Amino acid sequence: MRNIDEDEATEDARPRQEMKELYSCLAQHDGRCWDNQIETDALSGKLDFLAKEAIADHNRYKNA
């Protein structure tokens, strides 16, 4: 496995398209990680306070 210095040294030599593909892949992976974390938190009830807050805000502005 290469170290960070080797990766930095070869980064400039990589074609631009390859780097774009790498960034795209990493962004998709990051998005999937966030989606999974949000789903896990929602199912566990960790986000219930946000739903309650949103409903309260909605009711407050609806009745204003």
Protein backbone atom coordinates (compact mmCIF):
# COMPACT_ATOMS: atom_id res chain seq x y z
CA MET A 1 0.00 0.00 0.00
CA ARG A 2 1.31 3.44 -0.90
CA ASN A 3 1.80 6.18 1.61
CA ILE A 4 0.50 9.73 1.42
CA ASP A 5 3.77 11.17 0.09
CA GLU A 6 3.77 8.72 -2.80
CA ASP A 7 0.13 9.54 -3.55
CA GLU A 8 0.83 13.27 -3.52
CA ALA A 9 3.86 12.79 -5.78
CA THR A 10 1.87 10.84 -8.35
CA GLU A 11 -1.30 12.95 -8.11
CA ASP A 12 -0.01 15.52 -10.58
CA ALA A 13 0.86 12.80 -13.05
CA ARG A 14 -2.67 11.37 -13.15
CA PRO A 15 -4.88 12.39 -16.02
CA ARG A 16 -7.51 14.97 -15.17
CA GLN A 17 -10.33 12.61 -16.14
CA GLU A 18 -9.07 9.94 -13.74
CA MET A 19 -9.05 12.46 -10.90
CA LYS A 20 -12.59 13.58 -11.77
CA GLU A 21 -13.73 9.96 -11.66
CA LEU A 22 -12.03 9.42 -8.31
CA TYR A 23 -13.64 12.53 -6.80
CA SER A 24 -17.03 11.47 -8.16
CA CYS A 25 -16.65 8.01 -6.67
CA LEU A 26 -15.65 9.44 -3.29
CA ALA A 27 -18.56 11.88 -3.31
CA GLN A 28 -21.01 9.07 -4.06
CA HIS A 29 -19.53 6.95 -1.28
CA ASP A 30 -19.73 9.87 1.14
CA GLY A 31 -23.36 10.45 0.18
CA ARG A 32 -24.22 6.80 0.79
CA CYS A 33 -22.51 6.95 4.19
CA TRP A 34 -24.55 10.03 5.16
CA ASP A 35 -27.76 8.40 3.91
CA ASN A 36 -27.06 5.27 5.95
CA GLN A 37 -26.25 7.29 9.07
CA ILE A 38 -29.39 9.40 8.76
CA GLU A 39 -31.53 6.30 8.26
CA THR A 40 -29.95 4.61 11.29
CA ASP A 41 -30.46 7.71 13.43
CA ALA A 42 -34.05 8.13 12.26
CA LEU A 43 -34.94 4.51 13.02
CA SER A 44 -33.33 4.72 16.46
CA GLY A 45 -35.31 7.85 17.38
CA LYS A 46 -32.31 10.16 17.53
CA LEU A 47 -33.99 12.55 15.09
CA ASP A 48 -37.43 12.60 16.71
CA PHE A 49 -36.72 15.96 18.31
CA LEU A 50 -36.26 17.47 14.85
CA ALA A 51 -39.63 16.16 13.67
CA LYS A 52 -41.34 17.50 16.79
CA GLU A 53 -39.67 20.89 16.30
CA ALA A 54 -40.71 21.03 12.65
CA ILE A 55 -44.32 20.14 13.48
CA ALA A 56 -44.40 22.77 16.23
CA ASP A 57 -43.00 25.41 13.82
CA HIS A 58 -45.51 24.43 11.17
CA ASN A 59 -48.43 24.67 13.59
CA ARG A 60 -47.20 27.98 14.97
CA TYR A 61 -46.96 29.58 11.50
CA LYS A 62 -50.13 27.94 10.22
CA ASN A 63 -52.12 29.45 13.09
CA ALA A 64 -50.45 32.86 12.93
